[in-house]
Structure formats: C-alpha cells, structure tokens
C-alpha cells in the first residue's frame, strides 16, 4: 500500500502536463485521435467478441456501516464455503493516518459470481476450454499497430496489485526508451499473456 494511498498516486499522474481526463465518452469514439493506445479493458471486448466471449467473474458489493472499528484491518478474505461473500473491506484502514477522525466505519462485503454480458468484468477465469480462444485473441492483438494490451483484462491474467504496478512501471521504461528513438514502435504486449 502506498504511504498516502492510491488516491495521491492517481492525482499526481492526472496532474502531469499533457494528460487530459475525459469522462462520459467511449473508448471507441476516441481511439482514432491518438498515436498509440494503452488498452486495459477486456481483450475480447476490444475485438467486439468476434471470436467469442472469454469468461470473467464480477463482484457485487454490499455496503454497511458499523460503530468504531469493525474488523481491525483493511481486508479480510473469507474462503469458507458456507460464507456467501469472499471478503470484507473496511475502508478507514486503507488510510490509517485518518482513522482517529471517524467514530463510524464504512465496510463492503464482496460477493463474487460469473459475469454476464452487462456486468463489469473483474477477474479473468482462464478455463482450459478457453485456451484456444485466448491464443487466437492474442494472435489477433499482435497483428494490430499502435496499441498495447495491458493489465488484468487486457492480458486476460489474474494479477495482484503489486504485480500490476510492477508491470506498468516496467512498461514505462520500454515506452520511455521507445520515445527516444526516431521510429516510435511499441509491442502489443509488454509481458507474454500466455
């Protein structure tokens, strides 16, 4: 966990000169406006599911408020089959430097389930019977120019936050080096998604 939380990191990134934030618009409407795209959405969605839909899990969140301290830590995972939720997150523990300011605490229970067509995909499932479809999407992605597929959904891999950040920083090194060259080219993938 970063010292001042992820919010400060995102604020610093968004405050860099030359970065514009655009809300309420779709990727498809904007993609032609850029020299290169770093795509972190579902790889099958990028290709409009032309090879089929890969499997994902989604999350439903149940918010509740408690007095004082509910569980003493930011996250507790529940792996017991009899417990219907996968984790409880208590948000004040993500910013321990602010805890004494609150007499109440906000928590969320997370319920995991298979993602439907209109759900937000959170976790790639990567079933054996999807292997060929994934390989075909990866092959298709490698034929595209001026786009790099990144992150959990873009590479269809389960990634913890530390690995995600590490891969993003390593990609930044590759990008920085490419920007120094006259012939600016970047790979479709910075890591092998297979």
N, C-alpha and C. Protein backbone atom coordinates (compact mmCIF):
# COMPACT_ATOMS: atom_id res chain seq x y z
N UNK A 1 0.84 -1.17 0.00
CA UNK A 1 0.00 0.00 0.00
C UNK A 1 0.90 1.24 0.00
N UNK A 2 0.70 2.14 -0.93
CA UNK A 2 1.49 3.38 -0.94
C UNK A 2 1.28 4.18 0.35
N UNK A 3 2.29 4.93 0.75
CA UNK A 3 2.27 5.66 2.02
C UNK A 3 1.01 6.52 2.17
N UNK A 4 0.64 7.27 1.15
CA UNK A 4 -0.53 8.14 1.22
C UNK A 4 -1.71 7.60 0.42
N UNK A 5 -1.70 6.30 0.14
CA UNK A 5 -2.80 5.69 -0.59
C UNK A 5 -2.68 5.85 -2.09
N UNK A 6 -3.53 5.15 -2.81
CA UNK A 6 -3.52 5.19 -4.28
C UNK A 6 -4.07 6.51 -4.81
N UNK A 7 -4.91 7.19 -4.03
CA UNK A 7 -5.51 8.45 -4.49
C UNK A 7 -4.43 9.47 -4.83
N UNK A 8 -3.41 9.61 -3.98
CA UNK A 8 -2.34 10.56 -4.26
C UNK A 8 -1.57 10.20 -5.53
N UNK A 9 -1.35 8.92 -5.75
CA UNK A 9 -0.64 8.49 -6.96
C UNK A 9 -1.45 8.88 -8.19
N UNK A 10 -2.74 8.60 -8.18
CA UNK A 10 -3.60 8.93 -9.33
C UNK A 10 -3.66 10.44 -9.52
N UNK A 11 -3.81 11.21 -8.44
CA UNK A 11 -3.83 12.67 -8.55
C UNK A 11 -2.55 13.18 -9.21
N UNK A 12 -1.41 12.65 -8.80
CA UNK A 12 -0.13 13.08 -9.37
C UNK A 12 -0.04 12.73 -10.85
N UNK A 13 -0.51 11.55 -11.22
CA UNK A 13 -0.49 11.16 -12.64
C UNK A 13 -1.37 12.09 -13.45
N UNK A 14 -2.56 12.37 -12.96
CA UNK A 14 -3.51 13.19 -13.71
C UNK A 14 -3.11 14.66 -13.75
N UNK A 15 -2.22 15.08 -12.86
CA UNK A 15 -1.77 16.48 -12.87
C UNK A 15 -0.58 16.72 -13.79
N UNK A 16 -0.10 15.68 -14.45
CA UNK A 16 1.02 15.84 -15.38
C UNK A 16 0.55 16.63 -16.59
N UNK A 17 1.36 17.60 -17.00
CA UNK A 17 1.02 18.40 -18.18
C UNK A 17 0.89 17.48 -19.39
N UNK A 18 -0.17 17.68 -20.16
CA UNK A 18 -0.39 16.88 -21.36
C UNK A 18 -1.35 15.72 -21.15
N UNK A 19 -1.78 15.49 -19.91
CA UNK A 19 -2.75 14.43 -19.66
C UNK A 19 -4.12 15.07 -19.51
N UNK A 20 -5.04 14.65 -20.34
CA UNK A 20 -6.42 15.13 -20.28
C UNK A 20 -7.30 14.02 -19.73
N UNK A 21 -8.25 14.39 -18.90
CA UNK A 21 -9.24 13.46 -18.39
C UNK A 21 -10.54 13.71 -19.13
N UNK A 22 -11.08 12.67 -19.72
CA UNK A 22 -12.34 12.79 -20.46
C UNK A 22 -13.32 11.79 -19.89
N UNK A 23 -14.41 12.30 -19.38
CA UNK A 23 -15.44 11.46 -18.78
C UNK A 23 -16.67 11.44 -19.67
N UNK A 24 -17.46 10.40 -19.54
CA UNK A 24 -18.71 10.31 -20.27
C UNK A 24 -18.56 10.09 -21.76
N UNK A 25 -17.44 9.52 -22.17
CA UNK A 25 -17.24 9.23 -23.59
C UNK A 25 -16.70 7.81 -23.70
N UNK A 26 -16.92 7.19 -24.84
CA UNK A 26 -16.48 5.81 -25.01
C UNK A 26 -15.12 5.75 -25.70
N UNK A 27 -14.41 4.69 -25.38
CA UNK A 27 -13.11 4.44 -25.99
C UNK A 27 -13.23 4.38 -27.51
N UNK A 28 -14.27 3.72 -27.99
CA UNK A 28 -14.44 3.55 -29.43
C UNK A 28 -14.55 4.89 -30.16
N UNK A 29 -15.13 5.89 -29.51
CA UNK A 29 -15.29 7.20 -30.13
C UNK A 29 -13.99 7.99 -30.17
N UNK A 30 -13.02 7.62 -29.36
CA UNK A 30 -11.79 8.40 -29.24
C UNK A 30 -10.55 7.74 -29.81
N UNK A 31 -10.57 6.44 -30.04
CA UNK A 31 -9.34 5.71 -30.34
C UNK A 31 -8.61 6.20 -31.58
N UNK A 32 -9.31 6.79 -32.53
CA UNK A 32 -8.65 7.28 -33.75
C UNK A 32 -7.89 8.59 -33.52
N UNK A 33 -8.08 9.21 -32.36
CA UNK A 33 -7.46 10.51 -32.07
C UNK A 33 -6.04 10.40 -31.51
N UNK A 34 -5.55 9.19 -31.31
CA UNK A 34 -4.28 9.03 -30.60
C UNK A 34 -3.26 8.25 -31.43
N UNK A 35 -1.99 8.58 -31.20
CA UNK A 35 -0.90 7.92 -31.90
C UNK A 35 -0.75 6.47 -31.42
N UNK A 36 -0.98 6.24 -30.13
CA UNK A 36 -0.85 4.90 -29.58
C UNK A 36 -1.87 4.75 -28.45
N UNK A 37 -2.46 3.57 -28.34
CA UNK A 37 -3.44 3.26 -27.30
C UNK A 37 -2.84 2.25 -26.33
N UNK A 38 -3.02 2.49 -25.04
CA UNK A 38 -2.68 1.53 -24.00
C UNK A 38 -4.01 1.02 -23.47
N UNK A 39 -4.39 -0.16 -23.91
CA UNK A 39 -5.73 -0.68 -23.66
C UNK A 39 -5.72 -1.62 -22.47
N UNK A 40 -6.51 -1.29 -21.44
CA UNK A 40 -6.59 -2.12 -20.24
C UNK A 40 -7.98 -2.73 -20.04
N UNK A 41 -8.82 -2.64 -21.04
CA UNK A 41 -10.13 -3.27 -20.99
C UNK A 41 -10.04 -4.73 -21.41
N UNK A 42 -11.15 -5.44 -21.39
CA UNK A 42 -11.14 -6.86 -21.79
C UNK A 42 -10.70 -7.03 -23.24
N UNK A 43 -9.74 -7.91 -23.46
CA UNK A 43 -9.20 -8.12 -24.80
C UNK A 43 -10.28 -8.59 -25.77
N UNK A 44 -11.20 -9.44 -25.31
CA UNK A 44 -12.26 -9.90 -26.21
C UNK A 44 -13.23 -8.77 -26.58
N UNK A 45 -13.45 -7.84 -25.67
CA UNK A 45 -14.33 -6.70 -25.96
C UNK A 45 -13.71 -5.81 -27.03
N UNK A 46 -12.38 -5.60 -26.95
CA UNK A 46 -11.72 -4.76 -27.95
C UNK A 46 -12.03 -5.25 -29.36
N UNK A 47 -12.05 -6.55 -29.52
CA UNK A 47 -12.32 -7.15 -30.83
C UNK A 47 -13.80 -7.46 -31.03
N UNK A 48 -14.64 -6.81 -30.25
CA UNK A 48 -16.11 -6.93 -30.35
C UNK A 48 -16.57 -8.38 -30.28
N UNK A 49 -15.85 -9.19 -29.49
CA UNK A 49 -16.21 -10.58 -29.21
C UNK A 49 -16.29 -11.43 -30.47
N UNK A 50 -15.57 -11.05 -31.51
CA UNK A 50 -15.70 -11.76 -32.79
C UNK A 50 -15.28 -13.23 -32.72
N UNK A 51 -14.45 -13.59 -31.74
CA UNK A 51 -14.04 -14.99 -31.58
C UNK A 51 -14.80 -15.67 -30.45
N UNK A 52 -15.69 -14.94 -29.81
CA UNK A 52 -16.44 -15.45 -28.66
C UNK A 52 -16.09 -14.66 -27.41
N UNK A 53 -16.80 -14.95 -26.34
CA UNK A 53 -16.59 -14.27 -25.07
C UNK A 53 -15.73 -15.13 -24.14
N UNK A 54 -14.70 -14.52 -23.60
CA UNK A 54 -13.90 -15.17 -22.57
C UNK A 54 -14.67 -15.07 -21.25
N UNK A 55 -14.36 -15.96 -20.32
CA UNK A 55 -15.08 -15.97 -19.04
C UNK A 55 -14.45 -15.04 -18.01
N UNK A 56 -15.31 -14.36 -17.28
CA UNK A 56 -14.88 -13.46 -16.21
C UNK A 56 -15.76 -13.67 -14.99
N UNK A 57 -15.24 -13.27 -13.85
CA UNK A 57 -16.06 -13.16 -12.65
C UNK A 57 -16.27 -11.68 -12.39
N UNK A 58 -17.39 -11.37 -11.78
CA UNK A 58 -17.70 -10.00 -11.42
C UNK A 58 -17.95 -9.95 -9.92
N UNK A 59 -18.17 -8.76 -9.41
CA UNK A 59 -18.41 -8.58 -7.98
C UNK A 59 -19.68 -7.79 -7.74
N UNK A 60 -20.40 -8.17 -6.71
CA UNK A 60 -21.49 -7.37 -6.17
C UNK A 60 -21.04 -6.89 -4.80
N UNK A 61 -21.35 -5.65 -4.47
CA UNK A 61 -20.91 -5.06 -3.21
C UNK A 61 -22.11 -4.74 -2.32
N UNK A 62 -21.98 -5.09 -1.05
CA UNK A 62 -23.00 -4.76 -0.06
C UNK A 62 -22.36 -3.83 0.97
N UNK A 63 -22.84 -2.60 1.02
CA UNK A 63 -22.29 -1.59 1.93
C UNK A 63 -22.98 -1.70 3.29
N UNK A 64 -22.18 -1.56 4.36
CA UNK A 64 -22.77 -1.45 5.69
C UNK A 64 -21.88 -0.55 6.54
N UNK A 65 -22.49 0.05 7.55
CA UNK A 65 -21.81 0.98 8.45
C UNK A 65 -21.83 0.37 9.84
N UNK A 66 -20.73 0.53 10.56
CA UNK A 66 -20.62 0.00 11.91
C UNK A 66 -20.05 1.09 12.81
N UNK A 67 -20.21 0.93 14.10
CA UNK A 67 -19.60 1.86 15.06
C UNK A 67 -18.15 1.46 15.30
N UNK A 68 -17.31 2.46 15.49
CA UNK A 68 -15.92 2.21 15.84
C UNK A 68 -15.15 1.48 14.77
N UNK A 69 -14.67 0.31 15.14
CA UNK A 69 -13.82 -0.49 14.26
C UNK A 69 -14.49 -1.84 14.05
N UNK A 70 -14.74 -2.22 12.83
CA UNK A 70 -15.46 -3.47 12.56
C UNK A 70 -14.56 -4.70 12.62
N UNK A 71 -13.38 -4.65 11.96
CA UNK A 71 -12.56 -5.86 11.87
C UNK A 71 -11.08 -5.64 12.15
N UNK A 72 -10.67 -4.39 12.38
CA UNK A 72 -9.30 -4.13 12.78
C UNK A 72 -8.27 -4.12 11.67
N UNK A 73 -8.70 -4.31 10.44
CA UNK A 73 -7.77 -4.31 9.31
C UNK A 73 -8.55 -3.96 8.04
N UNK A 74 -7.82 -3.62 6.99
CA UNK A 74 -8.47 -3.17 5.75
C UNK A 74 -9.27 -4.27 5.06
N UNK A 75 -8.72 -5.47 4.99
CA UNK A 75 -9.38 -6.54 4.23
C UNK A 75 -9.23 -7.87 4.95
N UNK A 76 -10.33 -8.60 5.03
CA UNK A 76 -10.29 -9.99 5.47
C UNK A 76 -10.96 -10.82 4.37
N UNK A 77 -10.24 -11.83 3.89
CA UNK A 77 -10.78 -12.74 2.88
C UNK A 77 -11.46 -13.92 3.57
N UNK A 78 -12.57 -14.35 3.01
CA UNK A 78 -13.34 -15.47 3.55
C UNK A 78 -13.37 -16.58 2.52
N UNK A 79 -12.71 -17.68 2.83
CA UNK A 79 -12.59 -18.80 1.89
C UNK A 79 -13.51 -19.96 2.24
N UNK A 80 -14.21 -19.86 3.34
CA UNK A 80 -15.10 -20.93 3.79
C UNK A 80 -16.31 -21.03 2.87
N UNK A 81 -16.62 -22.23 2.44
CA UNK A 81 -17.72 -22.47 1.51
C UNK A 81 -19.07 -22.00 2.06
N UNK A 82 -19.24 -22.02 3.37
CA UNK A 82 -20.52 -21.63 3.98
C UNK A 82 -20.71 -20.12 4.04
N UNK A 83 -19.64 -19.35 3.84
CA UNK A 83 -19.74 -17.88 3.88
C UNK A 83 -20.03 -17.40 2.46
N UNK A 84 -21.12 -16.67 2.25
CA UNK A 84 -21.51 -16.31 0.88
C UNK A 84 -20.68 -15.21 0.23
N UNK A 85 -19.90 -14.48 1.00
CA UNK A 85 -19.09 -13.40 0.44
C UNK A 85 -17.61 -13.79 0.47
N UNK A 86 -16.83 -13.15 -0.39
CA UNK A 86 -15.41 -13.50 -0.50
C UNK A 86 -14.51 -12.65 0.38
N UNK A 87 -14.94 -11.42 0.68
CA UNK A 87 -14.13 -10.57 1.56
C UNK A 87 -14.97 -9.44 2.11
N UNK A 88 -14.44 -8.87 3.20
CA UNK A 88 -14.98 -7.62 3.74
C UNK A 88 -13.84 -6.62 3.73
N UNK A 89 -14.11 -5.45 3.16
CA UNK A 89 -13.14 -4.36 3.16
C UNK A 89 -13.64 -3.26 4.09
N UNK A 90 -12.77 -2.82 4.97
CA UNK A 90 -13.09 -1.71 5.88
C UNK A 90 -12.20 -0.54 5.49
N UNK A 91 -12.80 0.44 4.87
CA UNK A 91 -12.06 1.45 4.14
C UNK A 91 -11.21 2.38 4.99
N UNK A 92 -11.58 2.62 6.23
CA UNK A 92 -10.77 3.55 7.01
C UNK A 92 -9.37 2.99 7.28
N UNK A 93 -9.21 1.68 7.19
CA UNK A 93 -7.89 1.09 7.42
C UNK A 93 -6.96 1.25 6.21
N UNK A 94 -7.51 1.67 5.06
CA UNK A 94 -6.66 1.98 3.91
C UNK A 94 -5.95 3.32 4.11
N UNK A 95 -6.46 4.14 5.00
CA UNK A 95 -5.86 5.45 5.31
C UNK A 95 -5.72 5.56 6.83
N UNK A 96 -4.81 4.78 7.42
CA UNK A 96 -4.73 4.73 8.88
C UNK A 96 -4.41 6.08 9.52
N UNK A 97 -3.80 6.99 8.76
CA UNK A 97 -3.48 8.31 9.29
C UNK A 97 -4.73 9.16 9.52
N UNK A 98 -5.89 8.71 9.05
CA UNK A 98 -7.14 9.45 9.23
C UNK A 98 -8.11 8.74 10.18
N UNK A 99 -7.76 7.59 10.71
CA UNK A 99 -8.70 6.77 11.48
C UNK A 99 -9.30 7.47 12.68
N UNK A 100 -8.50 8.24 13.39
CA UNK A 100 -9.00 8.86 14.62
C UNK A 100 -10.07 9.92 14.36
N UNK A 101 -10.27 10.31 13.09
CA UNK A 101 -11.27 11.32 12.74
C UNK A 101 -12.68 10.75 12.64
N UNK A 102 -12.85 9.44 12.75
CA UNK A 102 -14.14 8.83 12.47
C UNK A 102 -14.63 7.96 13.63
N UNK A 103 -15.87 8.18 14.04
CA UNK A 103 -16.47 7.33 15.08
C UNK A 103 -17.20 6.14 14.47
N UNK A 104 -17.46 6.21 13.19
CA UNK A 104 -18.12 5.11 12.47
C UNK A 104 -17.16 4.59 11.40
N UNK A 105 -17.51 3.45 10.84
CA UNK A 105 -16.68 2.87 9.80
C UNK A 105 -17.57 2.33 8.67
N UNK A 106 -17.10 2.49 7.44
CA UNK A 106 -17.83 2.01 6.27
C UNK A 106 -17.14 0.74 5.77
N UNK A 107 -17.94 -0.29 5.58
CA UNK A 107 -17.41 -1.58 5.12
C UNK A 107 -18.21 -2.04 3.90
N UNK A 108 -17.59 -2.91 3.14
CA UNK A 108 -18.27 -3.54 2.00
C UNK A 108 -18.00 -5.03 2.02
N UNK A 109 -19.06 -5.80 1.85
CA UNK A 109 -18.93 -7.23 1.60
C UNK A 109 -18.89 -7.42 0.08
N UNK A 110 -18.00 -8.27 -0.39
CA UNK A 110 -17.90 -8.56 -1.83
C UNK A 110 -18.43 -9.96 -2.09
N UNK A 111 -19.31 -10.03 -3.06
CA UNK A 111 -19.88 -11.31 -3.50
C UNK A 111 -19.42 -11.56 -4.93
N UNK A 112 -18.73 -12.65 -5.15
CA UNK A 112 -18.21 -12.98 -6.47
C UNK A 112 -19.19 -13.90 -7.20
N UNK A 113 -19.33 -13.67 -8.51
CA UNK A 113 -20.18 -14.53 -9.34
C UNK A 113 -19.71 -14.45 -10.78
N UNK A 114 -20.20 -15.37 -11.61
CA UNK A 114 -19.88 -15.33 -13.04
C UNK A 114 -20.43 -14.04 -13.63
N UNK A 115 -19.64 -13.40 -14.48
CA UNK A 115 -20.06 -12.15 -15.12
C UNK A 115 -20.97 -12.44 -16.30
N UNK A 116 -22.05 -11.70 -16.38
CA UNK A 116 -22.93 -11.74 -17.54
C UNK A 116 -22.50 -10.68 -18.54
N UNK A 117 -23.20 -10.60 -19.66
CA UNK A 117 -22.84 -9.67 -20.73
C UNK A 117 -22.81 -8.21 -20.28
N UNK A 118 -23.68 -7.82 -19.36
CA UNK A 118 -23.78 -6.42 -18.94
C UNK A 118 -23.09 -6.13 -17.62
N UNK A 119 -22.32 -7.08 -17.11
CA UNK A 119 -21.61 -6.89 -15.85
C UNK A 119 -20.21 -6.34 -16.09
N UNK A 120 -19.66 -5.72 -15.06
CA UNK A 120 -18.27 -5.26 -15.11
C UNK A 120 -17.38 -6.48 -14.85
N UNK A 121 -16.47 -6.81 -15.78
CA UNK A 121 -15.57 -7.95 -15.53
C UNK A 121 -14.44 -7.54 -14.59
N UNK A 122 -14.22 -8.33 -13.56
CA UNK A 122 -13.14 -8.05 -12.61
C UNK A 122 -11.99 -9.05 -12.74
N UNK A 123 -12.34 -10.34 -12.83
CA UNK A 123 -11.32 -11.38 -12.80
C UNK A 123 -11.45 -12.32 -14.00
N UNK A 124 -10.38 -12.46 -14.79
CA UNK A 124 -10.38 -13.48 -15.84
C UNK A 124 -10.43 -14.87 -15.20
N UNK A 125 -11.19 -15.77 -15.80
CA UNK A 125 -11.31 -17.12 -15.25
C UNK A 125 -10.22 -18.04 -15.80
N UNK A 126 -9.90 -17.92 -17.08
CA UNK A 126 -8.86 -18.73 -17.74
C UNK A 126 -9.12 -20.23 -17.64
N UNK A 127 -10.26 -20.66 -18.10
CA UNK A 127 -10.57 -22.09 -18.13
C UNK A 127 -9.82 -22.77 -19.27
N UNK A 128 -9.58 -24.06 -19.11
CA UNK A 128 -8.85 -24.84 -20.12
C UNK A 128 -9.55 -24.74 -21.47
N UNK A 129 -10.89 -24.80 -21.48
CA UNK A 129 -11.61 -24.77 -22.76
C UNK A 129 -11.59 -23.39 -23.43
N UNK A 130 -11.04 -22.38 -22.75
CA UNK A 130 -10.89 -21.04 -23.35
C UNK A 130 -9.49 -20.82 -23.93
N UNK A 131 -8.60 -21.75 -23.69
CA UNK A 131 -7.19 -21.57 -24.08
C UNK A 131 -7.03 -21.24 -25.56
N UNK A 132 -7.69 -21.95 -26.43
CA UNK A 132 -7.57 -21.72 -27.87
C UNK A 132 -8.13 -20.34 -28.25
N UNK A 133 -9.27 -19.96 -27.67
CA UNK A 133 -9.85 -18.66 -27.96
C UNK A 133 -8.91 -17.55 -27.50
N UNK A 134 -8.33 -17.70 -26.32
CA UNK A 134 -7.38 -16.71 -25.82
C UNK A 134 -6.17 -16.62 -26.74
N UNK A 135 -5.62 -17.75 -27.14
CA UNK A 135 -4.48 -17.75 -28.07
C UNK A 135 -4.84 -17.02 -29.36
N UNK A 136 -6.05 -17.23 -29.85
CA UNK A 136 -6.48 -16.56 -31.08
C UNK A 136 -6.63 -15.05 -30.88
N UNK A 137 -7.13 -14.64 -29.73
CA UNK A 137 -7.21 -13.20 -29.45
C UNK A 137 -5.81 -12.59 -29.34
N UNK A 138 -4.90 -13.30 -28.72
CA UNK A 138 -3.52 -12.81 -28.60
C UNK A 138 -2.89 -12.68 -29.98
N UNK A 139 -3.08 -13.67 -30.83
CA UNK A 139 -2.57 -13.61 -32.21
C UNK A 139 -3.17 -12.42 -32.94
N UNK A 140 -4.45 -12.22 -32.80
CA UNK A 140 -5.13 -11.09 -33.43
C UNK A 140 -4.58 -9.76 -32.91
N UNK A 141 -4.37 -9.67 -31.60
CA UNK A 141 -3.84 -8.45 -31.00
C UNK A 141 -2.45 -8.13 -31.53
N UNK A 142 -1.65 -9.15 -31.75
CA UNK A 142 -0.28 -8.93 -32.24
C UNK A 142 -0.25 -8.43 -33.68
N UNK A 143 -1.36 -8.53 -34.40
CA UNK A 143 -1.42 -8.00 -35.77
C UNK A 143 -1.75 -6.52 -35.79
N UNK A 144 -2.19 -5.98 -34.67
CA UNK A 144 -2.61 -4.58 -34.60
C UNK A 144 -1.41 -3.67 -34.42
N UNK A 145 -1.50 -2.50 -34.99
CA UNK A 145 -0.45 -1.49 -34.83
C UNK A 145 -0.96 -0.40 -33.89
N UNK A 146 -0.04 0.21 -33.18
CA UNK A 146 -0.33 1.38 -32.35
C UNK A 146 -1.27 1.09 -31.18
N UNK A 147 -1.20 -0.12 -30.67
CA UNK A 147 -1.97 -0.46 -29.47
C UNK A 147 -1.19 -1.47 -28.64
N UNK A 148 -1.20 -1.26 -27.32
CA UNK A 148 -0.61 -2.21 -26.39
C UNK A 148 -1.68 -2.64 -25.40
N UNK A 149 -1.82 -3.95 -25.21
CA UNK A 149 -2.79 -4.51 -24.29
C UNK A 149 -2.10 -4.74 -22.96
N UNK A 150 -2.70 -4.22 -21.89
CA UNK A 150 -2.05 -4.23 -20.59
C UNK A 150 -3.03 -4.59 -19.48
N UNK A 151 -2.46 -4.93 -18.32
CA UNK A 151 -3.27 -5.14 -17.13
C UNK A 151 -4.01 -6.46 -17.11
N UNK A 152 -4.80 -6.61 -16.08
CA UNK A 152 -5.54 -7.84 -15.83
C UNK A 152 -6.46 -8.21 -16.98
N UNK A 153 -7.22 -7.25 -17.50
CA UNK A 153 -8.21 -7.55 -18.54
C UNK A 153 -7.59 -7.54 -19.93
N UNK A 154 -6.64 -6.66 -20.16
CA UNK A 154 -6.01 -6.58 -21.47
C UNK A 154 -5.14 -7.78 -21.80
N UNK A 155 -4.61 -8.43 -20.75
CA UNK A 155 -3.78 -9.62 -20.96
C UNK A 155 -4.49 -10.90 -20.50
N UNK A 156 -5.71 -10.76 -19.99
CA UNK A 156 -6.52 -11.87 -19.53
C UNK A 156 -5.74 -12.76 -18.56
N UNK A 157 -5.21 -12.12 -17.52
CA UNK A 157 -4.47 -12.83 -16.47
C UNK A 157 -4.92 -12.30 -15.12
N UNK A 158 -4.93 -13.15 -14.11
CA UNK A 158 -5.17 -12.67 -12.76
C UNK A 158 -3.89 -12.00 -12.28
N UNK A 159 -4.00 -10.76 -11.84
CA UNK A 159 -2.84 -10.02 -11.35
C UNK A 159 -3.18 -9.37 -10.02
N UNK A 160 -2.30 -9.53 -9.05
CA UNK A 160 -2.43 -8.76 -7.82
C UNK A 160 -1.92 -7.35 -8.08
N UNK A 161 -2.26 -6.42 -7.20
CA UNK A 161 -1.92 -5.02 -7.40
C UNK A 161 -0.41 -4.80 -7.50
N UNK A 162 0.38 -5.50 -6.68
CA UNK A 162 1.83 -5.29 -6.73
C UNK A 162 2.41 -5.69 -8.08
N UNK A 163 1.91 -6.78 -8.66
CA UNK A 163 2.38 -7.23 -9.97
C UNK A 163 1.91 -6.25 -11.05
N UNK A 164 0.68 -5.78 -10.93
CA UNK A 164 0.14 -4.82 -11.89
C UNK A 164 0.99 -3.56 -11.93
N UNK A 165 1.33 -3.03 -10.77
CA UNK A 165 2.14 -1.81 -10.70
C UNK A 165 3.54 -2.08 -11.22
N UNK A 166 4.13 -3.21 -10.85
CA UNK A 166 5.47 -3.56 -11.34
C UNK A 166 5.49 -3.63 -12.86
N UNK A 167 4.50 -4.32 -13.45
CA UNK A 167 4.44 -4.43 -14.91
C UNK A 167 4.23 -3.07 -15.57
N UNK A 168 3.42 -2.22 -14.96
CA UNK A 168 3.19 -0.88 -15.51
C UNK A 168 4.47 -0.05 -15.48
N UNK A 169 5.23 -0.13 -14.40
CA UNK A 169 6.49 0.61 -14.31
C UNK A 169 7.51 0.07 -15.31
N UNK A 170 7.56 -1.24 -15.48
CA UNK A 170 8.47 -1.82 -16.48
C UNK A 170 8.05 -1.40 -17.89
N UNK A 171 6.75 -1.32 -18.15
CA UNK A 171 6.27 -0.84 -19.45
C UNK A 171 6.67 0.61 -19.66
N UNK A 172 6.64 1.41 -18.61
CA UNK A 172 7.06 2.82 -18.71
C UNK A 172 8.51 2.93 -19.15
N UNK A 173 9.36 2.03 -18.65
CA UNK A 173 10.76 2.04 -19.08
C UNK A 173 10.87 1.76 -20.58
N UNK A 174 10.10 0.79 -21.07
CA UNK A 174 10.11 0.46 -22.50
C UNK A 174 9.58 1.64 -23.32
N UNK A 175 8.51 2.25 -22.83
CA UNK A 175 7.91 3.40 -23.53
C UNK A 175 8.89 4.56 -23.58
N UNK A 176 9.53 4.84 -22.45
CA UNK A 176 10.49 5.94 -22.39
C UNK A 176 11.63 5.72 -23.38
N UNK A 177 12.14 4.50 -23.45
CA UNK A 177 13.21 4.18 -24.40
C UNK A 177 12.72 4.34 -25.84
N UNK A 178 11.50 3.88 -26.12
CA UNK A 178 10.94 3.99 -27.48
C UNK A 178 10.76 5.44 -27.89
N UNK A 179 10.41 6.29 -26.95
CA UNK A 179 10.21 7.71 -27.26
C UNK A 179 11.51 8.41 -27.66
N UNK A 180 12.64 7.82 -27.28
CA UNK A 180 13.94 8.40 -27.62
C UNK A 180 14.36 8.05 -29.05
N UNK A 181 13.67 7.08 -29.64
CA UNK A 181 14.02 6.62 -30.98
C UNK A 181 13.21 7.37 -32.04
N UNK A 182 13.78 7.47 -33.23
CA UNK A 182 13.08 8.13 -34.34
C UNK A 182 11.86 7.33 -34.78
N UNK A 183 11.99 6.01 -34.79
CA UNK A 183 10.91 5.14 -35.23
C UNK A 183 10.19 4.59 -34.00
N UNK A 184 9.20 5.33 -33.52
CA UNK A 184 8.47 5.01 -32.30
C UNK A 184 7.57 3.79 -32.50
N UNK A 185 7.95 2.65 -31.95
CA UNK A 185 7.11 1.45 -32.01
C UNK A 185 7.08 0.79 -30.64
N UNK A 186 5.92 0.26 -30.30
CA UNK A 186 5.75 -0.43 -29.03
C UNK A 186 5.10 -1.79 -29.29
N UNK A 187 5.34 -2.75 -28.40
CA UNK A 187 4.78 -4.08 -28.60
C UNK A 187 3.28 -4.12 -28.30
N UNK A 188 2.61 -5.13 -28.82
CA UNK A 188 1.20 -5.35 -28.49
C UNK A 188 1.05 -5.75 -27.03
N UNK A 189 2.05 -6.45 -26.49
CA UNK A 189 2.06 -6.86 -25.08
C UNK A 189 3.45 -6.58 -24.51
N UNK A 190 3.49 -6.03 -23.31
CA UNK A 190 4.77 -5.81 -22.63
C UNK A 190 5.20 -7.07 -21.87
N UNK A 191 4.26 -7.95 -21.59
CA UNK A 191 4.53 -9.27 -20.99
C UNK A 191 3.77 -10.30 -21.81
N UNK A 192 4.26 -11.51 -21.80
CA UNK A 192 3.60 -12.57 -22.56
C UNK A 192 2.33 -12.99 -21.81
N UNK A 193 1.15 -12.80 -22.39
CA UNK A 193 -0.09 -13.12 -21.69
C UNK A 193 -0.42 -14.61 -21.65
N UNK A 194 0.36 -15.43 -22.33
CA UNK A 194 0.07 -16.87 -22.34
C UNK A 194 0.76 -17.49 -21.18
